[in-house]
C-alpha atoms as a PDB file:
ATOM      1  CA  UNK A   1     168.069  56.693 142.333  1.00  0.00           C
ATOM      2  CA  UNK A   2     166.605  58.833 139.550  1.00  0.00           C
ATOM      3  CA  UNK A   3     165.048  56.698 136.827  1.00  0.00           C
ATOM      4  CA  UNK A   4     162.483  58.716 134.886  1.00  0.00           C
ATOM      5  CA  UNK A   5     161.254  62.191 133.909  1.00  0.00           C
ATOM      6  CA  UNK A   6     159.108  62.630 137.016  1.00  0.00           C
ATOM      7  CA  UNK A   7     161.914  61.758 139.427  1.00  0.00           C
ATOM      8  CA  UNK A   8     164.400  63.922 137.535  1.00  0.00           C
ATOM      9  CA  UNK A   9     162.095  66.944 137.779  1.00  0.00           C
ATOM     10  CA  UNK A  10     161.504  66.383 141.504  1.00  0.00           C
ATOM     11  CA  UNK A  11     165.260  66.240 142.140  1.00  0.00           C
ATOM     12  CA  UNK A  12     166.028  69.236 139.932  1.00  0.00           C
ATOM     13  CA  UNK A  13     163.330  71.516 141.341  1.00  0.00           C
ATOM     14  CA  UNK A  14     164.392  70.678 144.902  1.00  0.00           C
ATOM     15  CA  UNK A  15     168.035  71.401 144.053  1.00  0.00           C
ATOM     16  CA  UNK A  16     167.265  74.706 142.321  1.00  0.00           C
ATOM     17  CA  UNK A  17     165.007  75.799 145.177  1.00  0.00           C
ATOM     18  CA  UNK A  18     167.860  75.250 147.650  1.00  0.00           C
ATOM     19  CA  UNK A  19     170.108  77.349 145.389  1.00  0.00           C
ATOM     20  CA  UNK A  20     167.638  80.252 145.497  1.00  0.00           C
ATOM     21  CA  UNK A  21     166.513  80.016 141.865  1.00  0.00           C
ATOM     22  CA  UNK A  22     163.053  81.501 141.247  1.00  0.00           C
ATOM     23  CA  UNK A  23     160.370  79.222 139.766  1.00  0.00           C
ATOM     24  CA  UNK A  24     162.529  76.119 140.296  1.00  0.00           C
ATOM     25  CA  UNK A  25     160.035  73.579 138.922  1.00  0.00           C
ATOM     26  CA  UNK A  26     159.427  75.554 135.740  1.00  0.00           C
ATOM     27  CA  UNK A  27     163.184  76.056 135.270  1.00  0.00           C
ATOM     28  CA  UNK A  28     163.648  72.302 135.736  1.00  0.00           C
ATOM     29  CA  UNK A  29     161.015  71.644 133.075  1.00  0.00           C
ATOM     30  CA  UNK A  30     162.593  74.074 130.609  1.00  0.00           C
ATOM     31  CA  UNK A  31     165.982  72.407 130.877  1.00  0.00           C
ATOM     32  CA  UNK A  32     164.634  68.865 130.521  1.00  0.00           C
ATOM     33  CA  UNK A  33     162.330  69.853 127.652  1.00  0.00           C
ATOM     34  CA  UNK A  34     165.318  71.268 125.804  1.00  0.00           C
ATOM     35  CA  UNK A  35     167.541  68.291 126.534  1.00  0.00           C
ATOM     36  CA  UNK A  36     164.946  65.757 125.355  1.00  0.00           C
ATOM     37  CA  UNK A  37     163.750  68.003 122.517  1.00  0.00           C
ATOM     38  CA  UNK A  38     160.064  67.492 123.339  1.00  0.00           C
ATOM     39  CA  UNK A  39     157.144  69.901 124.004  1.00  0.00           C
ATOM     40  CA  UNK A  40     156.638  70.978 127.622  1.00  0.00           C
ATOM     41  CA  UNK A  41     153.295  69.168 127.882  1.00  0.00           C
ATOM     42  CA  UNK A  42     154.950  65.829 127.100  1.00  0.00           C
ATOM     43  CA  UNK A  43     157.011  66.036 130.285  1.00  0.00           C
ATOM     44  CA  UNK A  44     153.766  65.484 132.167  1.00  0.00           C
ATOM     45  CA  UNK A  45     152.195  63.047 129.723  1.00  0.00           C
ATOM     46  CA  UNK A  46     155.360  60.941 129.636  1.00  0.00           C
ATOM     47  CA  UNK A  47     156.506  61.432 133.228  1.00  0.00           C
ATOM     48  CA  UNK A  48     157.257  57.719 133.654  1.00  0.00           C
ATOM     49  CA  UNK A  49     159.525  57.630 130.602  1.00  0.00           C
ATOM     50  CA  UNK A  50     162.965  56.332 131.514  1.00  0.00           C
ATOM     51  CA  UNK A  51     166.068  58.449 131.020  1.00  0.00           C
ATOM     52  CA  UNK A  52     169.319  57.044 129.683  1.00  0.00           C
ATOM     53  CA  UNK A  53     172.459  57.324 131.756  1.00  0.00           C
ATOM     54  CA  UNK A  54     173.791  59.983 129.373  1.00  0.00           C
ATOM     55  CA  UNK A  55     170.546  61.987 129.443  1.00  0.00           C
ATOM     56  CA  UNK A  56     170.550  61.964 133.229  1.00  0.00           C
ATOM     57  CA  UNK A  57     174.222  62.945 133.433  1.00  0.00           C
ATOM     58  CA  UNK A  58     173.726  65.814 130.968  1.00  0.00           C
ATOM     59  CA  UNK A  59     170.580  66.979 132.746  1.00  0.00           C
ATOM     60  CA  UNK A  60     172.220  66.997 136.167  1.00  0.00           C
ATOM     61  CA  UNK A  61     175.111  68.995 134.719  1.00  0.00           C
ATOM     62  CA  UNK A  62     172.724  71.575 133.273  1.00  0.00           C
ATOM     63  CA  UNK A  63     170.744  71.830 136.510  1.00  0.00           C
ATOM     64  CA  UNK A  64     173.892  72.293 138.582  1.00  0.00           C
ATOM     65  CA  UNK A  65     175.032  75.079 136.245  1.00  0.00           C
ATOM     66  CA  UNK A  66     171.647  76.779 136.547  1.00  0.00           C
ATOM     67  CA  UNK A  67     171.928  76.484 140.314  1.00  0.00           C
ATOM     68  CA  UNK A  68     175.258  78.334 140.140  1.00  0.00           C
ATOM     69  CA  UNK A  69     173.494  81.194 138.356  1.00  0.00           C
ATOM     70  CA  UNK A  70     174.419  80.451 134.747  1.00  0.00           C
ATOM     71  CA  UNK A  71     171.758  81.960 132.464  1.00  0.00           C
ATOM     72  CA  UNK A  72     169.515  79.394 130.772  1.00  0.00           C
ATOM     73  CA  UNK A  73     170.548  80.615 127.310  1.00  0.00           C
ATOM     74  CA  UNK A  74     174.248  79.970 128.004  1.00  0.00           C
ATOM     75  CA  UNK A  75     173.502  76.474 129.288  1.00  0.00           C
ATOM     76  CA  UNK A  76     171.467  75.374 126.258  1.00  0.00           C
ATOM     77  CA  UNK A  77     173.558  77.539 123.883  1.00  0.00           C
ATOM     78  CA  UNK A  78     170.488  79.100 122.289  1.00  0.00           C
ATOM     79  CA  UNK A  79     168.208  82.131 122.531  1.00  0.00           C
ATOM     80  CA  UNK A  80     165.079  82.931 120.563  1.00  0.00           C
ATOM     81  CA  UNK A  81     164.900  86.423 119.034  1.00  0.00           C
ATOM     82  CA  UNK A  82     162.510  87.750 116.384  1.00  0.00           C
ATOM     83  CA  UNK A  83     161.243  84.214 115.831  1.00  0.00           C
ATOM     84  CA  UNK A  84     164.765  82.959 115.071  1.00  0.00           C
ATOM     85  CA  UNK A  85     166.992  80.675 117.161  1.00  0.00           C
ATOM     86  CA  UNK A  86     170.429  82.193 117.767  1.00  0.00           C
ATOM     87  CA  UNK A  87     173.466  80.348 119.077  1.00  0.00           C
ATOM     88  CA  UNK A  88     174.834  82.131 122.160  1.00  0.00           C
ATOM     89  CA  UNK A  89     177.632  81.531 124.632  1.00  0.00           C
ATOM     90  CA  UNK A  90     179.597  83.636 127.109  1.00  0.00           C
ATOM     91  CA  UNK A  91     181.422  85.460 124.328  1.00  0.00           C
ATOM     92  CA  UNK A  92     178.279  87.489 123.610  1.00  0.00           C
ATOM     93  CA  UNK A  93     175.449  89.272 125.363  1.00  0.00           C
ATOM     94  CA  UNK A  94     172.197  87.307 125.405  1.00  0.00           C
ATOM     95  CA  UNK A  95     169.647  88.946 123.051  1.00  0.00           C
ATOM     96  CA  UNK A  96     166.739  90.549 124.915  1.00  0.00           C
ATOM     97  CA  UNK A  97     163.077  90.749 123.841  1.00  0.00           C
ATOM     98  CA  UNK A  98     163.176  94.548 124.295  1.00  0.00           C
ATOM     99  CA  UNK A  99     165.675  94.820 121.442  1.00  0.00           C
ATOM    100  CA  UNK A 100     162.997  93.509 119.093  1.00  0.00           C
ATOM    101  CA  UNK A 101     161.434  97.003 119.308  1.00  0.00           C
ATOM    102  CA  UNK A 102     164.495  98.395 117.517  1.00  0.00           C
ATOM    103  CA  UNK A 103     164.488  95.621 114.909  1.00  0.00           C
ATOM    104  CA  UNK A 104     160.769  95.956 114.164  1.00  0.00           C
ATOM    105  CA  UNK A 105     161.152  99.706 113.667  1.00  0.00           C
ATOM    106  CA  UNK A 106     164.168  99.177 111.391  1.00  0.00           C
ATOM    107  CA  UNK A 107     162.314  96.623 109.252  1.00  0.00           C
ATOM    108  CA  UNK A 108     159.438  99.075 108.777  1.00  0.00           C
ATOM    109  CA  UNK A 109     161.832 101.913 107.945  1.00  0.00           C
ATOM    110  CA  UNK A 110     163.737  99.776 105.440  1.00  0.00           C
ATOM    111  CA  UNK A 111     160.569  98.562 103.740  1.00  0.00           C
ATOM    112  CA  UNK A 112     159.094 102.061 103.471  1.00  0.00           C
ATOM    113  CA  UNK A 113     162.310 103.421 101.984  1.00  0.00           C
ATOM    114  CA  UNK A 114     162.358 103.182  98.205  1.00  0.00           C
ATOM    115  CA  UNK A 115     166.158 103.232  97.763  1.00  0.00           C
ATOM    116  CA  UNK A 116     166.983 100.208  95.592  1.00  0.00           C
ATOM    117  CA  UNK A 117     170.428  99.527  97.069  1.00  0.00           C
ATOM    118  CA  UNK A 118     169.554 100.294 100.694  1.00  0.00           C
ATOM    119  CA  UNK A 119     172.460  99.634 103.081  1.00  0.00           C
ATOM    120  CA  UNK A 120     172.380  99.222 106.854  1.00  0.00           C
ATOM    121  CA  UNK A 121     175.122  98.807 109.435  1.00  0.00           C
ATOM    122  CA  UNK A 122     174.666  97.067 112.786  1.00  0.00           C
ATOM    123  CA  UNK A 123     177.296  98.574 115.098  1.00  0.00           C
ATOM    124  CA  UNK A 124     178.336  96.339 118.001  1.00  0.00           C
ATOM    125  CA  UNK A 125     176.649  93.310 116.485  1.00  0.00           C
ATOM    126  CA  UNK A 126     177.499  90.827 119.265  1.00  0.00           C
ATOM    127  CA  UNK A 127     175.646  87.593 118.482  1.00  0.00           C
ATOM    128  CA  UNK A 128     174.409  89.202 115.273  1.00  0.00           C
ATOM    129  CA  UNK A 129     170.802  89.255 116.502  1.00  0.00           C
ATOM    130  CA  UNK A 130     169.915  92.687 115.074  1.00  0.00           C
ATOM    131  CA  UNK A 131     171.763  92.546 111.762  1.00  0.00           C
ATOM    132  CA  UNK A 132     170.875  88.938 111.003  1.00  0.00           C
ATOM    133  CA  UNK A 133     167.190  89.535 111.785  1.00  0.00           C
ATOM    134  CA  UNK A 134     167.186  92.509 109.410  1.00  0.00           C
ATOM    135  CA  UNK A 135     168.850  90.486 106.664  1.00  0.00           C
ATOM    136  CA  UNK A 136     166.459  87.584 107.187  1.00  0.00           C
ATOM    137  CA  UNK A 137     163.270  89.640 107.087  1.00  0.00           C
ATOM    138  CA  UNK A 138     164.159  92.280 104.493  1.00  0.00           C
ATOM    139  CA  UNK A 139     166.663  90.530 102.226  1.00  0.00           C
ATOM    140  CA  UNK A 140     168.698  93.758 102.071  1.00  0.00           C
ATOM    141  CA  UNK A 141     172.471  94.237 102.390  1.00  0.00           C
ATOM    142  CA  UNK A 142     173.731  94.455 105.969  1.00  0.00           C
ATOM    143  CA  UNK A 143     177.142  95.406 107.364  1.00  0.00           C
ATOM    144  CA  UNK A 144     177.950  94.281 110.903  1.00  0.00           C
ATOM    145  CA  UNK A 145     180.794  95.607 113.054  1.00  0.00           C
ATOM    146  CA  UNK A 146     182.208  94.499 116.387  1.00  0.00           C
ATOM    147  CA  UNK A 147     185.357  95.246 118.373  1.00  0.00           C
ATOM    148  CA  UNK A 148     185.444  91.685 119.702  1.00  0.00           C
ATOM    149  CA  UNK A 149     186.791  88.925 117.458  1.00  0.00           C
ATOM    150  CA  UNK A 150     185.075  86.410 119.741  1.00  0.00           C
ATOM    151  CA  UNK A 151     181.704  88.087 119.171  1.00  0.00           C
ATOM    152  CA  UNK A 152     182.246  88.127 115.422  1.00  0.00           C
ATOM    153  CA  UNK A 153     182.891  84.376 115.439  1.00  0.00           C
ATOM    154  CA  UNK A 154     179.497  83.840 117.065  1.00  0.00           C
ATOM    155  CA  UNK A 155     177.772  86.289 114.705  1.00  0.00           C
ATOM    156  CA  UNK A 156     179.284  84.599 111.638  1.00  0.00           C
ATOM    157  CA  UNK A 157     178.165  81.217 112.938  1.00  0.00           C
ATOM    158  CA  UNK A 158     174.625  82.569 113.336  1.00  0.00           C
ATOM    159  CA  UNK A 159     174.621  84.084 109.850  1.00  0.00           C
ATOM    160  CA  UNK A 160     175.423  80.642 108.428  1.00  0.00           C
ATOM    161  CA  UNK A 161     173.006  78.862 110.728  1.00  0.00           C
ATOM    162  CA  UNK A 162     170.180  81.205 109.713  1.00  0.00           C
ATOM    163  CA  UNK A 163     171.169  81.185 106.033  1.00  0.00           C
ATOM    164  CA  UNK A 164     171.935  84.880 105.528  1.00  0.00           C
ATOM    165  CA  UNK A 165     175.741  84.717 105.259  1.00  0.00           C
ATOM    166  CA  UNK A 166     175.532  85.962 101.669  1.00  0.00           C
ATOM    167  CA  UNK A 167     173.648  89.092 102.779  1.00  0.00           C
ATOM    168  CA  UNK A 168     175.978  90.205 105.595  1.00  0.00           C
ATOM    169  CA  UNK A 169     179.537  91.495 105.534  1.00  0.00           C
ATOM    170  CA  UNK A 170     181.310  91.449 108.888  1.00  0.00           C
ATOM    171  CA  UNK A 171     184.002  93.885 110.003  1.00  0.00           C
ATOM    172  CA  UNK A 172     186.341  93.766 112.986  1.00  0.00           C
ATOM    173  CA  UNK A 173     186.935  97.194 114.478  1.00  0.00           C
ATOM    174  CA  UNK A 174     185.647 100.064 116.578  1.00  0.00           C
ATOM    175  CA  UNK A 175     182.298 101.672 115.733  1.00  0.00           C
ATOM    176  CA  UNK A 176     182.313 103.016 112.145  1.00  0.00           C
ATOM    177  CA  UNK A 177     186.089 102.977 111.593  1.00  0.00           C
ATOM    178  CA  UNK A 178     186.094  99.817 109.397  1.00  0.00           C
ATOM    179  CA  UNK A 179     183.478 101.332 107.081  1.00  0.00           C
ATOM    180  CA  UNK A 180     185.374 104.614 106.856  1.00  0.00           C
ATOM    181  CA  UNK A 181     188.518 102.763 105.799  1.00  0.00           C
ATOM    182  CA  UNK A 182     186.622 101.283 102.850  1.00  0.00           C
ATOM    183  CA  UNK A 183     184.654 104.469 102.090  1.00  0.00           C
ATOM    184  CA  UNK A 184     181.345 102.692 102.650  1.00  0.00           C
ATOM    185  CA  UNK A 185     178.237 104.834 103.065  1.00  0.00           C
ATOM    186  CA  UNK A 186     174.977 103.570 104.551  1.00  0.00           C
ATOM    187  CA  UNK A 187     171.350 104.672 104.739  1.00  0.00           C
ATOM    188  CA  UNK A 188     170.688 103.378 108.255  1.00  0.00           C
ATOM    189  CA  UNK A 189     172.738 102.817 111.406  1.00  0.00           C
ATOM    190  CA  UNK A 190     171.302 100.543 114.100  1.00  0.00           C
ATOM    191  CA  UNK A 191     173.034  99.825 117.364  1.00  0.00           C
ATOM    192  CA  UNK A 192     172.653  98.237 120.770  1.00  0.00           C
ATOM    193  CA  UNK A 193     175.951  99.354 122.269  1.00  0.00           C
ATOM    194  CA  UNK A 194     176.710  99.153 126.013  1.00  0.00           C
ATOM    195  CA  UNK A 195     174.573 101.777 127.769  1.00  0.00           C
ATOM    196  CA  UNK A 196     174.478 100.841 131.464  1.00  0.00           C
ATOM    197  CA  UNK A 197     176.212 103.489 133.646  1.00  0.00           C
ATOM    198  CA  UNK A 198     179.178 102.183 135.628  1.00  0.00           C
ATOM    199  CA  UNK A 199     177.562 103.111 138.926  1.00  0.00           C
ATOM    200  CA  UNK A 200     174.647 100.743 138.205  1.00  0.00           C
ATOM    201  CA  UNK A 201     176.784  97.670 137.534  1.00  0.00           C
ATOM    202  CA  UNK A 202     176.529  96.336 141.079  1.00  0.00           C
ATOM    203  CA  UNK A 203     172.723  96.579 140.960  1.00  0.00           C
ATOM    204  CA  UNK A 204     172.425  94.179 138.016  1.00  0.00           C
ATOM    205  CA  UNK A 205     170.998  90.694 138.482  1.00  0.00           C
ATOM    206  CA  UNK A 206     173.552  88.119 139.572  1.00  0.00           C
ATOM    207  CA  UNK A 207     173.284  86.060 136.380  1.00  0.00           C
ATOM    208  CA  UNK A 208     173.892  89.173 134.281  1.00  0.00           C
ATOM    209  CA  UNK A 209     176.710  90.593 136.389  1.00  0.00           C
ATOM    210  CA  UNK A 210     178.620  87.367 136.919  1.00  0.00           C
ATOM    211  CA  UNK A 211     178.234  85.663 133.565  1.00  0.00           C
ATOM    212  CA  UNK A 212     177.579  88.129 130.716  1.00  0.00           C
ATOM    213  CA  UNK A 213     180.456  90.139 129.169  1.00  0.00           C
ATOM    214  CA  UNK A 214     181.199  93.310 131.153  1.00  0.00           C
ATOM    215  CA  UNK A 215     182.296  95.139 128.008  1.00  0.00           C
ATOM    216  CA  UNK A 216     178.927  94.436 126.371  1.00  0.00           C
ATOM    217  CA  UNK A 217     177.051  96.010 129.275  1.00  0.00           C
ATOM    218  CA  UNK A 218     178.788  99.104 130.625  1.00  0.00           C
ATOM    219  CA  UNK A 219     178.671 102.346 128.640  1.00  0.00           C
ATOM    220  CA  UNK A 220     180.805 104.650 130.763  1.00  0.00           C
ATOM    221  CA  UNK A 221     179.863 107.087 133.511  1.00  0.00           C
ATOM    222  CA  UNK A 222     176.542 108.255 132.075  1.00  0.00           C
ATOM    223  CA  UNK A 223     175.887 105.246 129.853  1.00  0.00           C
ATOM    224  CA  UNK A 224     175.769 107.365 126.691  1.00  0.00           C
ATOM    225  CA  UNK A 225     179.509 107.884 126.175  1.00  0.00           C
ATOM    226  CA  UNK A 226     179.892 105.210 123.503  1.00  0.00           C
ATOM    227  CA  UNK A 227     176.869 106.532 121.634  1.00  0.00           C
ATOM    228  CA  UNK A 228     178.429 109.999 121.728  1.00  0.00           C
ATOM    229  CA  UNK A 229     181.470 108.570 119.944  1.00  0.00           C
ATOM    230  CA  UNK A 230     179.238 106.826 117.420  1.00  0.00           C
ATOM    231  CA  UNK A 231     177.351 110.024 116.573  1.00  0.00           C
ATOM    232  CA  UNK A 232     180.649 111.877 116.084  1.00  0.00           C
ATOM    233  CA  UNK A 233     181.654 109.284 113.491  1.00  0.00           C
ATOM    234  CA  UNK A 234     178.436 109.485 111.442  1.00  0.00           C
ATOM    235  CA  UNK A 235     179.560 112.224 108.993  1.00  0.00           C
ATOM    236  CA  UNK A 236     181.045 110.593 105.923  1.00  0.00           C
ATOM    237  CA  UNK A 237     179.395 107.234 106.634  1.00  0.00           C
ATOM    238  CA  UNK A 238     175.682 107.924 107.160  1.00  0.00           C
ATOM    239  CA  UNK A 239     174.192 109.401 104.004  1.00  0.00           C
ATOM    240  CA  UNK A 240     172.331 112.700 103.985  1.00  0.00           C
ATOM    241  CA  UNK A 241     168.716 111.991 104.883  1.00  0.00           C
ATOM    242  CA  UNK A 242     169.703 108.752 106.634  1.00  0.00           C
ATOM    243  CA  UNK A 243     168.596 107.462 110.027  1.00  0.00           C
ATOM    244  CA  UNK A 244     170.001 106.139 113.297  1.00  0.00           C
ATOM    245  CA  UNK A 245     168.278 103.924 115.881  1.00  0.00           C
ATOM    246  CA  UNK A 246     169.944 103.097 119.212  1.00  0.00           C
ATOM    247  CA  UNK A 247     168.779 101.075 122.188  1.00  0.00           C
ATOM    248  CA  UNK A 248     168.869 102.994 125.475  1.00  0.00           C
ATOM    249  CA  UNK A 249     167.967 102.615 129.150  1.00  0.00           C
ATOM    250  CA  UNK A 250     164.566 103.669 130.502  1.00  0.00           C
ATOM    251  CA  UNK A 251     165.960 106.935 131.913  1.00  0.00           C
ATOM    252  CA  UNK A 252     168.192 108.011 129.005  1.00  0.00           C
ATOM    253  CA  UNK A 253     165.553 109.274 126.580  1.00  0.00           C
ATOM    254  CA  UNK A 254     166.098 112.982 127.087  1.00  0.00           C
ATOM    255  CA  UNK A 255     169.881 112.722 126.925  1.00  0.00           C
ATOM    256  CA  UNK A 256     169.732 110.532 123.828  1.00  0.00           C
ATOM    257  CA  UNK A 257     167.337 112.880 122.031  1.00  0.00           C
ATOM    258  CA  UNK A 258     169.581 115.858 122.754  1.00  0.00           C
ATOM    259  CA  UNK A 259     172.572 113.882 121.469  1.00  0.00           C
ATOM    260  CA  UNK A 260     170.816 113.066 118.191  1.00  0.00           C
ATOM    261  CA  UNK A 261     169.520 116.601 117.716  1.00  0.00           C
ATOM    262  CA  UNK A 262     173.011 118.034 118.180  1.00  0.00           C
ATOM    263  CA  UNK A 263     174.310 115.314 115.860  1.00  0.00           C
ATOM    264  CA  UNK A 264     172.352 116.645 112.899  1.00  0.00           C
ATOM    265  CA  UNK A 265     169.063 114.741 112.886  1.00  0.00           C
ATOM    266  CA  UNK A 266     166.029 116.829 111.945  1.00  0.00           C
ATOM    267  CA  UNK A 267     163.470 114.401 113.359  1.00  0.00           C
ATOM    268  CA  UNK A 268     164.102 112.774 116.736  1.00  0.00           C
ATOM    269  CA  UNK A 269     161.801 110.596 118.831  1.00  0.00           C
ATOM    270  CA  UNK A 270     161.639 107.756 121.362  1.00  0.00           C
ATOM    271  CA  UNK A 271     160.129 104.280 120.994  1.00  0.00           C
ATOM    272  CA  UNK A 272     158.765 102.589 124.121  1.00  0.00           C
ATOM    273  CA  UNK A 273     158.853  98.905 124.987  1.00  0.00           C
ATOM    274  CA  UNK A 274     155.875  96.734 125.942  1.00  0.00           C
ATOM    275  CA  UNK A 275     156.121  97.935 129.542  1.00  0.00           C
ATOM    276  CA  UNK A 276     155.853 101.562 128.418  1.00  0.00           C
ATOM    277  CA  UNK A 277     159.508 102.373 129.162  1.00  0.00           C
ATOM    278  CA  UNK A 278     161.795 104.365 126.883  1.00  0.00           C
ATOM    279  CA  UNK A 279     163.799 101.823 124.908  1.00  0.00           C
ATOM    280  CA  UNK A 280     164.967 103.146 121.515  1.00  0.00           C
ATOM    281  CA  UNK A 281     166.055 106.624 120.392  1.00  0.00           C
ATOM    282  CA  UNK A 282     165.553 107.336 116.692  1.00  0.00           C
ATOM    283  CA  UNK A 283     166.986 110.111 114.558  1.00  0.00           C
ATOM    284  CA  UNK A 284     165.805 110.650 110.973  1.00  0.00           C
ATOM    285  CA  UNK A 285     166.713 113.062 108.169  1.00  0.00           C
ATOM    286  CA  UNK A 286     170.425 113.329 108.899  1.00  0.00           C
ATOM    287  CA  UNK A 287     172.056 116.567 107.755  1.00  0.00           C
ATOM    288  CA  UNK A 288     175.805 116.242 108.047  1.00  0.00           C
ATOM    289  CA  UNK A 289     176.457 119.982 107.863  1.00  0.00           C
ATOM    290  CA  UNK A 290     174.448 120.530 111.058  1.00  0.00           C
ATOM    291  CA  UNK A 291     176.841 118.436 113.097  1.00  0.00           C
END
């Protein structure tokens, strides 16, 4: 009979260990901390605190889901990104810390640029993590596009939750097509489109492969196919002198740089993540006539 925090953690860590979950005790703590809405240290300080029947039922449900491989973020319906708490569920890819590299670069680029009515589009917005973060930290106008209506519902929810709904306009459609229909031009395109090659799908972690949206992960045979389509659509939407920043895999830097150079960017370079791996390809000084 589980009665208190200590006993709940003992049960949960034992269960998760049997299910092959790494760091089972820590995972058990994270789930209970979130459920009770208390700091991690209080789980130890208040280990004899009783749990209500509902708390215990909810906790056991969460632990069982985690044991099945469900990602933590999908269980608690939340993921921290750029210091903001985003709602997430299985309709969208879970935001990754590595993507913050792209956002931080974009914020710097936007702040250094002196254009008064600077416009940015986040292509393949998903949960809205990139576009909403940019709106929150720069206060500038953001367009956000996604092919999935389900993803857009989550992104709109996050824009309201994080109080930037008045700064973002959402579009349903493929890549830059919705902007072209309305003759919208932008100064910056940012994107974290699917870039994992099909052949690598089976090598992904179980919780990624089995629970996150396939269409938000796989980018064709080489992984760069969708970005190739995006670059083709830039003329007429990205202004002369504008920039593009795309998230890529660790081994796609050379291919991405060649793509951007051929696409008309005069300055092309790679940003690395905290582990020193290639993570973002950037193209600046767009010249449409060179495409």
